Amino acid sequence: GVGCAPGQFSFVNTIEDARAALTWLRHPSNADKVDASRLVVLGHSMGGFDTVMLGDEPVAGFVVISAADLGGMAATLDTPTGMAEAIMALTDDARFTNAAPTALADEVLANAQAWDWRTNAAKMAGRPTLIISSEDGNEPADQAVADAIEAAGGPKPARVRFPTDHSYNDHRIALQAAVVDWLQATFR
């Protein structure tokens, strides 16, 4: 459902795809190529949402970059104005998929409890986490991830903030360096 790919796009499918990728990486046939004990889940924006939703996966760590708190969006959908604003926001997100923005908004409402940000982020506790933020408005969601991990016993996530937009267009090399430096320092 993205680009020319077959199937129907949904947020649930992105979570399922991420879990399927981890299952594939852990498959015994990949043991000579992949050290499954060193897997780190990394995601930006919607991928950051998926990263938080995979907090229960037995991985070595997490990198969350300007994550989208889709579960938190559900709280704004209970009024006609909130629904209209959410549909407008989702219209931009849906432009590269075959999903209707109204269908995505309905999906967010239907999964509000399962996608509770703090509950899922708390499951990330016990593993190192890097949280990267920008000036894109997602910093409160990123902070909520850090707070939930700390409240669940930590460790305190490493934090990096860049003075840039959601796409990190003028900070891509610095973003890559921050991730690589953290991985090398954390998982020698």
N, C-alpha and C. Protein backbone atom coordinates (compact mmCIF):
# COMPACT_ATOMS: atom_id res chain seq x y z
N GLY A 1 0.79 -1.22 0.00
CA GLY A 1 0.00 0.00 0.00
C GLY A 1 0.82 1.26 0.00
N VAL A 2 2.14 1.16 -0.11
CA VAL A 2 3.00 2.34 -0.19
C VAL A 2 3.62 2.37 -1.57
N GLY A 3 3.54 3.52 -2.23
CA GLY A 3 4.05 3.61 -3.60
C GLY A 3 3.30 2.64 -4.48
N CYS A 4 4.02 1.78 -5.17
CA CYS A 4 3.41 0.80 -6.06
C CYS A 4 3.26 -0.57 -5.40
N ALA A 5 3.57 -0.68 -4.12
CA ALA A 5 3.49 -1.97 -3.43
C ALA A 5 2.04 -2.41 -3.29
N PRO A 6 1.79 -3.71 -3.45
CA PRO A 6 0.42 -4.20 -3.30
C PRO A 6 -0.02 -4.18 -1.85
N GLY A 7 -1.30 -4.42 -1.63
CA GLY A 7 -1.86 -4.47 -0.29
C GLY A 7 -2.41 -3.13 0.14
N GLN A 8 -3.10 -3.15 1.26
CA GLN A 8 -3.71 -1.94 1.79
C GLN A 8 -2.86 -1.40 2.93
N PHE A 9 -2.46 -0.15 2.85
CA PHE A 9 -1.65 0.46 3.90
C PHE A 9 -2.49 0.65 5.16
N SER A 10 -1.87 0.38 6.30
CA SER A 10 -2.44 0.72 7.60
C SER A 10 -1.30 0.84 8.60
N PHE A 11 -1.54 1.55 9.68
CA PHE A 11 -0.53 1.67 10.73
C PHE A 11 -0.29 0.31 11.40
N VAL A 12 -1.35 -0.47 11.57
CA VAL A 12 -1.20 -1.81 12.15
C VAL A 12 -0.23 -2.63 11.31
N ASN A 13 -0.36 -2.51 9.98
CA ASN A 13 0.54 -3.27 9.11
C ASN A 13 1.99 -2.86 9.27
N THR A 14 2.25 -1.58 9.57
CA THR A 14 3.64 -1.16 9.75
C THR A 14 4.24 -1.83 10.99
N ILE A 15 3.44 -1.96 12.04
CA ILE A 15 3.91 -2.65 13.25
C ILE A 15 4.15 -4.13 12.94
N GLU A 16 3.20 -4.75 12.24
CA GLU A 16 3.34 -6.16 11.87
C GLU A 16 4.56 -6.38 10.98
N ASP A 17 4.81 -5.47 10.04
CA ASP A 17 5.98 -5.59 9.16
C ASP A 17 7.27 -5.50 9.96
N ALA A 18 7.32 -4.59 10.93
CA ALA A 18 8.52 -4.46 11.76
C ALA A 18 8.76 -5.72 12.58
N ARG A 19 7.69 -6.28 13.13
CA ARG A 19 7.83 -7.54 13.88
C ARG A 19 8.29 -8.68 12.95
N ALA A 20 7.74 -8.70 11.75
CA ALA A 20 8.13 -9.74 10.78
C ALA A 20 9.60 -9.61 10.40
N ALA A 21 10.08 -8.38 10.27
CA ALA A 21 11.49 -8.17 9.95
C ALA A 21 12.37 -8.71 11.08
N LEU A 22 11.99 -8.45 12.32
CA LEU A 22 12.76 -8.97 13.46
C LEU A 22 12.73 -10.50 13.48
N THR A 23 11.57 -11.08 13.20
CA THR A 23 11.46 -12.54 13.16
C THR A 23 12.38 -13.10 12.08
N TRP A 24 12.40 -12.47 10.92
CA TRP A 24 13.27 -12.93 9.83
C TRP A 24 14.74 -12.83 10.24
N LEU A 25 15.13 -11.69 10.85
CA LEU A 25 16.52 -11.52 11.27
C LEU A 25 16.94 -12.56 12.30
N ARG A 26 16.00 -12.98 13.15
CA ARG A 26 16.30 -13.96 14.20
C ARG A 26 16.24 -15.40 13.71
N HIS A 27 15.77 -15.62 12.51
CA HIS A 27 15.60 -16.98 12.01
C HIS A 27 16.95 -17.70 12.01
N PRO A 28 16.97 -18.98 12.42
CA PRO A 28 18.22 -19.73 12.46
C PRO A 28 19.01 -19.72 11.15
N SER A 29 18.33 -19.62 10.03
CA SER A 29 19.04 -19.62 8.75
C SER A 29 19.88 -18.35 8.56
N ASN A 30 19.64 -17.34 9.37
CA ASN A 30 20.42 -16.10 9.28
C ASN A 30 21.50 -16.01 10.35
N ALA A 31 21.64 -17.03 11.18
CA ALA A 31 22.56 -16.99 12.32
C ALA A 31 24.00 -16.71 11.92
N ASP A 32 24.40 -17.14 10.73
CA ASP A 32 25.78 -16.89 10.30
C ASP A 32 25.98 -15.45 9.80
N LYS A 33 24.87 -14.72 9.59
CA LYS A 33 24.95 -13.35 9.09
C LYS A 33 24.52 -12.30 10.10
N VAL A 34 23.68 -12.71 11.07
CA VAL A 34 23.07 -11.75 12.00
C VAL A 34 23.28 -12.24 13.43
N ASP A 35 23.82 -11.36 14.27
CA ASP A 35 23.91 -11.64 15.70
C ASP A 35 22.62 -11.11 16.33
N ALA A 36 21.65 -11.99 16.49
CA ALA A 36 20.32 -11.59 16.97
C ALA A 36 20.36 -10.96 18.36
N SER A 37 21.41 -11.22 19.12
CA SER A 37 21.51 -10.63 20.46
C SER A 37 21.91 -9.15 20.41
N ARG A 38 22.28 -8.65 19.22
CA ARG A 38 22.74 -7.27 19.10
C ARG A 38 21.80 -6.42 18.24
N LEU A 39 20.59 -6.87 18.00
CA LEU A 39 19.65 -6.10 17.20
C LEU A 39 19.19 -4.86 17.95
N VAL A 40 19.16 -3.74 17.24
CA VAL A 40 18.66 -2.47 17.78
C VAL A 40 17.58 -2.00 16.83
N VAL A 41 16.43 -1.64 17.37
CA VAL A 41 15.32 -1.13 16.56
C VAL A 41 15.46 0.38 16.47
N LEU A 42 15.41 0.90 15.25
CA LEU A 42 15.55 2.33 15.00
C LEU A 42 14.42 2.77 14.08
N GLY A 43 13.80 3.90 14.41
CA GLY A 43 12.76 4.42 13.54
C GLY A 43 12.60 5.92 13.66
N HIS A 44 12.22 6.53 12.54
CA HIS A 44 11.98 7.97 12.47
C HIS A 44 10.51 8.21 12.14
N SER A 45 9.89 9.16 12.82
CA SER A 45 8.52 9.56 12.56
C SER A 45 7.56 8.38 12.76
N MET A 46 6.90 7.92 11.69
CA MET A 46 6.03 6.75 11.83
C MET A 46 6.87 5.54 12.23
N GLY A 47 8.10 5.46 11.75
CA GLY A 47 9.01 4.40 12.17
C GLY A 47 9.35 4.52 13.65
N GLY A 48 9.38 5.74 14.15
CA GLY A 48 9.57 5.95 15.59
C GLY A 48 8.38 5.45 16.38
N PHE A 49 7.19 5.65 15.83
CA PHE A 49 5.98 5.07 16.42
C PHE A 49 6.12 3.55 16.48
N ASP A 50 6.53 2.96 15.36
CA ASP A 50 6.71 1.50 15.33
C ASP A 50 7.76 1.05 16.35
N THR A 51 8.83 1.82 16.49
CA THR A 51 9.88 1.48 17.45
C THR A 51 9.30 1.40 18.86
N VAL A 52 8.50 2.38 19.23
CA VAL A 52 7.89 2.37 20.56
C VAL A 52 6.91 1.21 20.69
N MET A 53 6.17 0.91 19.62
CA MET A 53 5.22 -0.21 19.67
C MET A 53 5.94 -1.55 19.79
N LEU A 54 7.22 -1.60 19.43
CA LEU A 54 8.01 -2.83 19.56
C LEU A 54 8.79 -2.87 20.87
N GLY A 55 8.41 -2.07 21.83
CA GLY A 55 9.10 -2.04 23.11
C GLY A 55 9.14 -3.38 23.83
N ASP A 56 8.22 -4.27 23.50
CA ASP A 56 8.17 -5.59 24.14
C ASP A 56 9.08 -6.61 23.45
N GLU A 57 9.69 -6.24 22.34
CA GLU A 57 10.56 -7.17 21.61
C GLU A 57 11.88 -7.36 22.37
N PRO A 58 12.42 -8.56 22.38
CA PRO A 58 13.70 -8.81 23.05
C PRO A 58 14.87 -8.37 22.17
N VAL A 59 15.11 -7.08 22.12
CA VAL A 59 16.22 -6.52 21.34
C VAL A 59 17.21 -5.87 22.29
N ALA A 60 18.38 -5.53 21.77
CA ALA A 60 19.44 -4.95 22.59
C ALA A 60 19.19 -3.49 22.94
N GLY A 61 18.48 -2.76 22.09
CA GLY A 61 18.24 -1.34 22.36
C GLY A 61 17.33 -0.72 21.32
N PHE A 62 17.14 0.59 21.48
CA PHE A 62 16.19 1.33 20.64
C PHE A 62 16.76 2.70 20.29
N VAL A 63 16.43 3.18 19.09
CA VAL A 63 16.70 4.55 18.68
C VAL A 63 15.37 5.12 18.18
N VAL A 64 14.90 6.18 18.83
CA VAL A 64 13.63 6.81 18.50
C VAL A 64 13.95 8.21 17.97
N ILE A 65 13.54 8.49 16.74
CA ILE A 65 13.83 9.77 16.10
C ILE A 65 12.52 10.47 15.75
N SER A 66 12.25 11.59 16.42
CA SER A 66 11.05 12.39 16.13
C SER A 66 9.82 11.51 15.94
N ALA A 67 9.54 10.69 16.94
CA ALA A 67 8.47 9.70 16.84
C ALA A 67 7.08 10.34 16.82
N ALA A 68 6.20 9.73 16.07
CA ALA A 68 4.80 10.15 15.99
C ALA A 68 4.00 9.38 17.02
N ASP A 69 3.37 10.08 17.94
CA ASP A 69 2.54 9.45 18.97
C ASP A 69 1.12 9.30 18.42
N LEU A 70 0.89 8.25 17.64
CA LEU A 70 -0.43 8.04 17.04
C LEU A 70 -1.48 7.72 18.09
N GLY A 71 -1.10 7.00 19.13
CA GLY A 71 -2.05 6.72 20.20
C GLY A 71 -2.51 7.99 20.89
N GLY A 72 -1.59 8.93 21.08
CA GLY A 72 -1.93 10.21 21.70
C GLY A 72 -2.85 11.05 20.83
N MET A 73 -2.76 10.82 19.51
CA MET A 73 -3.64 11.55 18.60
C MET A 73 -5.11 11.20 18.85
N ALA A 74 -5.36 10.00 19.34
CA ALA A 74 -6.74 9.56 19.56
C ALA A 74 -7.48 10.48 20.52
N ALA A 75 -6.77 11.05 21.49
CA ALA A 75 -7.42 11.93 22.46
C ALA A 75 -8.00 13.17 21.80
N THR A 76 -7.46 13.57 20.66
CA THR A 76 -7.96 14.76 19.97
C THR A 76 -9.08 14.44 18.99
N LEU A 77 -9.38 13.17 18.80
CA LEU A 77 -10.35 12.79 17.77
C LEU A 77 -11.79 12.71 18.27
N ASP A 78 -12.01 13.00 19.54
CA ASP A 78 -13.35 12.81 20.09
C ASP A 78 -14.30 13.98 19.83
N THR A 79 -13.85 15.00 19.13
CA THR A 79 -14.71 16.12 18.77
C THR A 79 -14.67 16.29 17.25
N PRO A 80 -15.70 16.87 16.66
CA PRO A 80 -15.67 17.11 15.22
C PRO A 80 -14.47 17.96 14.79
N THR A 81 -14.14 18.97 15.59
CA THR A 81 -12.99 19.81 15.26
C THR A 81 -11.70 19.01 15.35
N GLY A 82 -11.56 18.22 16.41
CA GLY A 82 -10.36 17.39 16.57
C GLY A 82 -10.23 16.39 15.45
N MET A 83 -11.35 15.78 15.05
CA MET A 83 -11.32 14.81 13.96
C MET A 83 -10.91 15.50 12.66
N ALA A 84 -11.46 16.67 12.40
CA ALA A 84 -11.11 17.40 11.17
C ALA A 84 -9.62 17.76 11.16
N GLU A 85 -9.08 18.21 12.29
CA GLU A 85 -7.66 18.55 12.37
C GLU A 85 -6.79 17.31 12.18
N ALA A 86 -7.19 16.19 12.78
CA ALA A 86 -6.42 14.95 12.64
C ALA A 86 -6.43 14.48 11.19
N ILE A 87 -7.58 14.57 10.54
CA ILE A 87 -7.67 14.15 9.15
C ILE A 87 -6.78 15.03 8.27
N MET A 88 -6.73 16.31 8.58
CA MET A 88 -5.84 17.21 7.84
C MET A 88 -4.38 16.78 8.04
N ALA A 89 -4.01 16.48 9.28
CA ALA A 89 -2.63 16.05 9.57
C ALA A 89 -2.33 14.72 8.89
N LEU A 90 -3.28 13.81 8.92
CA LEU A 90 -3.07 12.49 8.32
C LEU A 90 -3.08 12.54 6.79
N THR A 91 -3.68 13.58 6.22
CA THR A 91 -3.68 13.71 4.76
C THR A 91 -2.25 13.78 4.24
N ASP A 92 -1.40 14.54 4.94
CA ASP A 92 0.00 14.62 4.53
C ASP A 92 0.68 13.27 4.70
N ASP A 93 0.40 12.58 5.82
CA ASP A 93 0.99 11.27 6.06
C ASP A 93 0.54 10.24 5.02
N ALA A 94 -0.68 10.36 4.58
CA ALA A 94 -1.26 9.35 3.68
C ALA A 94 -0.91 9.56 2.22
N ARG A 95 -0.30 10.67 1.88
CA ARG A 95 -0.08 10.99 0.47
C ARG A 95 0.78 9.96 -0.26
N PHE A 96 1.61 9.23 0.45
CA PHE A 96 2.47 8.23 -0.19
C PHE A 96 1.90 6.82 -0.07
N THR A 97 0.66 6.72 0.41
CA THR A 97 0.03 5.41 0.58
C THR A 97 -1.28 5.36 -0.21
N ASN A 98 -1.91 4.19 -0.19
CA ASN A 98 -3.23 4.07 -0.80
C ASN A 98 -4.34 4.15 0.25
N ALA A 99 -4.01 4.64 1.43
CA ALA A 99 -5.00 4.73 2.51
C ALA A 99 -5.69 6.09 2.50
N ALA A 100 -6.97 6.07 2.82
CA ALA A 100 -7.71 7.32 2.96
C ALA A 100 -7.43 7.90 4.34
N PRO A 101 -7.24 9.22 4.44
CA PRO A 101 -6.99 9.82 5.75
C PRO A 101 -8.07 9.51 6.78
N THR A 102 -9.33 9.42 6.34
CA THR A 102 -10.40 9.09 7.28
C THR A 102 -10.23 7.67 7.82
N ALA A 103 -9.77 6.76 6.96
CA ALA A 103 -9.54 5.38 7.41
C ALA A 103 -8.41 5.33 8.43
N LEU A 104 -7.37 6.14 8.21
CA LEU A 104 -6.27 6.19 9.16
C LEU A 104 -6.72 6.76 10.50
N ALA A 105 -7.56 7.81 10.45
CA ALA A 105 -8.09 8.38 11.69
C ALA A 105 -8.94 7.36 12.43
N ASP A 106 -9.76 6.62 11.71
CA ASP A 106 -10.57 5.56 12.33
C ASP A 106 -9.68 4.49 12.95
N GLU A 107 -8.57 4.17 12.27
CA GLU A 107 -7.63 3.18 12.81
C GLU A 107 -6.99 3.68 14.10
N VAL A 108 -6.63 4.95 14.13
CA VAL A 108 -6.05 5.53 15.36
C VAL A 108 -7.05 5.42 16.50
N LEU A 109 -8.31 5.77 16.24
CA LEU A 109 -9.35 5.68 17.28
C LEU A 109 -9.52 4.24 17.76
N ALA A 110 -9.56 3.32 16.83
CA ALA A 110 -9.80 1.91 17.18
C ALA A 110 -8.66 1.32 18.00
N ASN A 111 -7.46 1.86 17.86
CA ASN A 111 -6.28 1.30 18.54
C ASN A 111 -5.74 2.18 19.65
N ALA A 112 -6.50 3.16 20.07
CA ALA A 112 -6.01 4.12 21.06
C ALA A 112 -5.44 3.45 22.31
N GLN A 113 -6.13 2.47 22.82
CA GLN A 113 -5.65 1.81 24.04
C GLN A 113 -4.39 0.97 23.77
N ALA A 114 -4.39 0.20 22.70
CA ALA A 114 -3.23 -0.63 22.38
C ALA A 114 -2.00 0.21 22.05
N TRP A 115 -2.21 1.41 21.55
CA TRP A 115 -1.11 2.28 21.17
C TRP A 115 -0.78 3.32 22.24
N ASP A 116 -1.22 3.06 23.47
CA ASP A 116 -0.90 4.01 24.55
C ASP A 116 0.61 4.20 24.62
N TRP A 117 1.04 5.42 24.45
CA TRP A 117 2.45 5.76 24.32
C TRP A 117 3.26 5.37 25.54
N ARG A 118 2.77 5.74 26.72
CA ARG A 118 3.53 5.50 27.95
C ARG A 118 3.61 4.02 28.29
N THR A 119 2.54 3.29 28.08
CA THR A 119 2.55 1.85 28.37
C THR A 119 3.56 1.13 27.48
N ASN A 120 3.55 1.44 26.20
CA ASN A 120 4.47 0.78 25.27
C ASN A 120 5.91 1.24 25.49
N ALA A 121 6.12 2.51 25.77
CA ALA A 121 7.48 3.00 26.02
C ALA A 121 8.05 2.38 27.30
N ALA A 122 7.21 2.17 28.30
CA ALA A 122 7.69 1.56 29.55
C ALA A 122 8.26 0.17 29.30
N LYS A 123 7.76 -0.52 28.28
CA LYS A 123 8.26 -1.87 27.95
C LYS A 123 9.68 -1.82 27.40
N MET A 124 10.16 -0.65 27.03
CA MET A 124 11.51 -0.48 26.51
C MET A 124 12.55 -0.44 27.65
N ALA A 125 12.09 -0.32 28.87
CA ALA A 125 12.99 -0.22 30.02
C ALA A 125 13.90 -1.44 30.09
N GLY A 126 15.09 -1.20 30.63
CA GLY A 126 16.05 -2.28 30.77
C GLY A 126 17.02 -2.37 29.62
N ARG A 127 16.78 -1.61 28.56
CA ARG A 127 17.67 -1.60 27.40
C ARG A 127 18.09 -0.16 27.11
N PRO A 128 19.28 0.03 26.57
CA PRO A 128 19.71 1.38 26.21
C PRO A 128 18.82 1.96 25.11
N THR A 129 18.55 3.25 25.22
CA THR A 129 17.71 3.93 24.25
C THR A 129 18.32 5.28 23.93
N LEU A 130 18.30 5.63 22.65
CA LEU A 130 18.70 6.95 22.19
C LEU A 130 17.45 7.62 21.64
N ILE A 131 17.18 8.83 22.11
CA ILE A 131 16.03 9.59 21.62
C ILE A 131 16.57 10.86 20.96
N ILE A 132 16.22 11.03 19.69
CA ILE A 132 16.66 12.19 18.92
C ILE A 132 15.44 13.02 18.56
N SER A 133 15.54 14.32 18.84
CA SER A 133 14.43 15.25 18.60
C SER A 133 14.89 16.40 17.71
N SER A 134 13.91 17.09 17.16
CA SER A 134 14.17 18.29 16.37
C SER A 134 13.11 19.34 16.73
N GLU A 135 13.03 20.36 15.92
CA GLU A 135 12.06 21.44 16.14
C GLU A 135 10.76 21.17 15.37
N ASP A 136 10.32 19.91 15.34
CA ASP A 136 9.18 19.53 14.51
C ASP A 136 7.87 19.38 15.26
N GLY A 137 7.87 19.65 16.56
CA GLY A 137 6.65 19.52 17.34
C GLY A 137 6.47 18.17 18.00
N ASN A 138 7.34 17.21 17.70
CA ASN A 138 7.23 15.88 18.30
C ASN A 138 8.02 15.73 19.60
N GLU A 139 8.66 16.79 20.03
CA GLU A 139 9.49 16.70 21.23
C GLU A 139 8.70 16.28 22.47
N PRO A 140 7.45 16.72 22.66
CA PRO A 140 6.70 16.22 23.82
C PRO A 140 6.50 14.70 23.79
N ALA A 141 6.27 14.15 22.62
CA ALA A 141 6.13 12.69 22.50
C ALA A 141 7.45 12.01 22.80
N ASP A 142 8.54 12.58 22.31
CA ASP A 142 9.87 12.03 22.59
C ASP A 142 10.16 12.08 24.10
N GLN A 143 9.79 13.19 24.74
CA GLN A 143 10.01 13.31 26.18
C GLN A 143 9.16 12.30 26.93
N ALA A 144 7.95 12.06 26.47
CA ALA A 144 7.08 11.07 27.13
C ALA A 144 7.69 9.68 27.07
N VAL A 145 8.38 9.35 25.97
CA VAL A 145 9.07 8.06 25.87
C VAL A 145 10.15 7.99 26.94
N ALA A 146 10.98 9.03 27.03
CA ALA A 146 12.05 9.07 28.02
C ALA A 146 11.50 8.96 29.43
N ASP A 147 10.44 9.71 29.71
CA ASP A 147 9.84 9.68 31.05
C ASP A 147 9.30 8.30 31.40
N ALA A 148 8.64 7.64 30.44
CA ALA A 148 8.06 6.31 30.70
C ALA A 148 9.15 5.28 30.94
N ILE A 149 10.24 5.36 30.19
CA ILE A 149 11.34 4.42 30.38
C ILE A 149 11.97 4.62 31.77
N GLU A 150 12.19 5.87 32.13
CA GLU A 150 12.78 6.15 33.45
C GLU A 150 11.85 5.70 34.57
N ALA A 151 10.55 5.97 34.43
CA ALA A 151 9.59 5.58 35.46
C ALA A 151 9.51 4.07 35.61
N ALA A 152 9.80 3.34 34.53
CA ALA A 152 9.75 1.87 34.56
C ALA A 152 11.08 1.27 35.01
N GLY A 153 12.03 2.08 35.41
CA GLY A 153 13.28 1.57 35.94
C GLY A 153 14.51 1.89 35.12
N GLY A 154 14.33 2.61 34.00
CA GLY A 154 15.46 3.07 33.21
C GLY A 154 16.11 1.98 32.40
N PRO A 155 17.30 2.21 31.94
CA PRO A 155 18.16 3.35 32.21
C PRO A 155 17.67 4.61 31.51
N LYS A 156 18.15 5.74 32.00
CA LYS A 156 17.78 7.02 31.42
C LYS A 156 18.25 7.05 29.96
N PRO A 157 17.35 7.34 29.03
CA PRO A 157 17.74 7.39 27.62
C PRO A 157 18.74 8.51 27.34
N ALA A 158 19.64 8.25 26.41
CA ALA A 158 20.50 9.31 25.89
C ALA A 158 19.63 10.22 25.02
N ARG A 159 19.91 11.50 25.03
CA ARG A 159 19.10 12.45 24.27
C ARG A 159 19.98 13.31 23.38
N VAL A 160 19.53 13.55 22.16
CA VAL A 160 20.19 14.47 21.24
C VAL A 160 19.08 15.30 20.61
N ARG A 161 19.33 16.61 20.47
CA ARG A 161 18.35 17.49 19.83
C ARG A 161 19.05 18.31 18.76
N PHE A 162 18.44 18.36 17.58
CA PHE A 162 18.98 19.14 16.48
C PHE A 162 18.05 20.30 16.15
N PRO A 163 18.61 21.46 15.85
CA PRO A 163 17.79 22.62 15.47
C PRO A 163 17.42 22.55 13.99
N THR A 164 16.50 21.66 13.68
CA THR A 164 16.15 21.43 12.27
C THR A 164 14.70 21.00 12.15
N ASP A 165 14.30 20.66 10.96
CA ASP A 165 12.92 20.25 10.68
C ASP A 165 12.74 18.74 10.88
N HIS A 166 11.54 18.28 10.61
CA HIS A 166 11.20 16.87 10.82
C HIS A 166 12.02 15.93 9.94
N SER A 167 12.39 16.37 8.77
CA SER A 167 13.16 15.53 7.86
C SER A 167 14.65 15.57 8.11
N TYR A 168 15.10 16.43 9.00
CA TYR A 168 16.53 16.57 9.31
C TYR A 168 17.33 16.90 8.04
N ASN A 169 16.69 17.62 7.11
CA ASN A 169 17.29 17.86 5.81
C ASN A 169 18.69 18.47 5.88
N ASP A 170 18.89 19.41 6.78
CA ASP A 170 20.20 20.06 6.85
C ASP A 170 21.07 19.49 7.97
N HIS A 171 20.66 18.35 8.52
CA HIS A 171 21.43 17.71 9.60
C HIS A 171 21.55 16.20 9.40
N ARG A 172 21.44 15.72 8.18
CA ARG A 172 21.46 14.28 7.93
C ARG A 172 22.78 13.63 8.33
N ILE A 173 23.89 14.26 8.00
CA ILE A 173 25.18 13.67 8.36
C ILE A 173 25.36 13.70 9.87
N ALA A 174 24.97 14.79 10.51
CA ALA A 174 25.05 14.88 11.97
C ALA A 174 24.14 13.86 12.63
N LEU A 175 22.97 13.64 12.06
CA LEU A 175 22.04 12.62 12.57
C LEU A 175 22.68 11.24 12.48
N GLN A 176 23.23 10.92 11.33
CA GLN A 176 23.90 9.62 11.15
C GLN A 176 25.04 9.46 12.15
N ALA A 177 25.83 10.52 12.30
CA ALA A 177 26.97 10.45 13.21
C ALA A 177 26.51 10.25 14.65
N ALA A 178 25.43 10.91 15.04
CA ALA A 178 24.92 10.75 16.40
C ALA A 178 24.49 9.30 16.66
N VAL A 179 23.83 8.69 15.68
CA VAL A 179 23.39 7.30 15.84
C VAL A 179 24.60 6.36 15.89
N VAL A 180 25.51 6.51 14.95
CA VAL A 180 26.69 5.63 14.90
C VAL A 180 27.54 5.80 16.17
N ASP A 181 27.76 7.04 16.59
CA ASP A 181 28.54 7.28 17.81
C ASP A 181 27.89 6.61 19.02
N TRP A 182 26.57 6.73 19.14
CA TRP A 182 25.86 6.12 20.26
C TRP A 182 25.95 4.60 20.20
N LEU A 183 25.74 4.04 19.01
CA LEU A 183 25.84 2.59 18.87
C LEU A 183 27.22 2.10 19.26
N GLN A 184 28.26 2.77 18.77
CA GLN A 184 29.63 2.34 19.09
C GLN A 184 29.94 2.49 20.57
N ALA A 185 29.47 3.56 21.18
CA ALA A 185 29.74 3.77 22.61
C ALA A 185 28.94 2.80 23.48
N THR A 186 27.77 2.42 23.02
CA THR A 186 26.85 1.60 23.83
C THR A 186 27.08 0.10 23.63
N PHE A 187 27.41 -0.30 22.42
CA PHE A 187 27.50 -1.72 22.08
C PHE A 187 28.87 -2.07 21.51
N ARG A 188 29.90 -1.82 22.24
CA ARG A 188 31.28 -2.10 21.76
C ARG A 188 31.47 -3.55 21.49
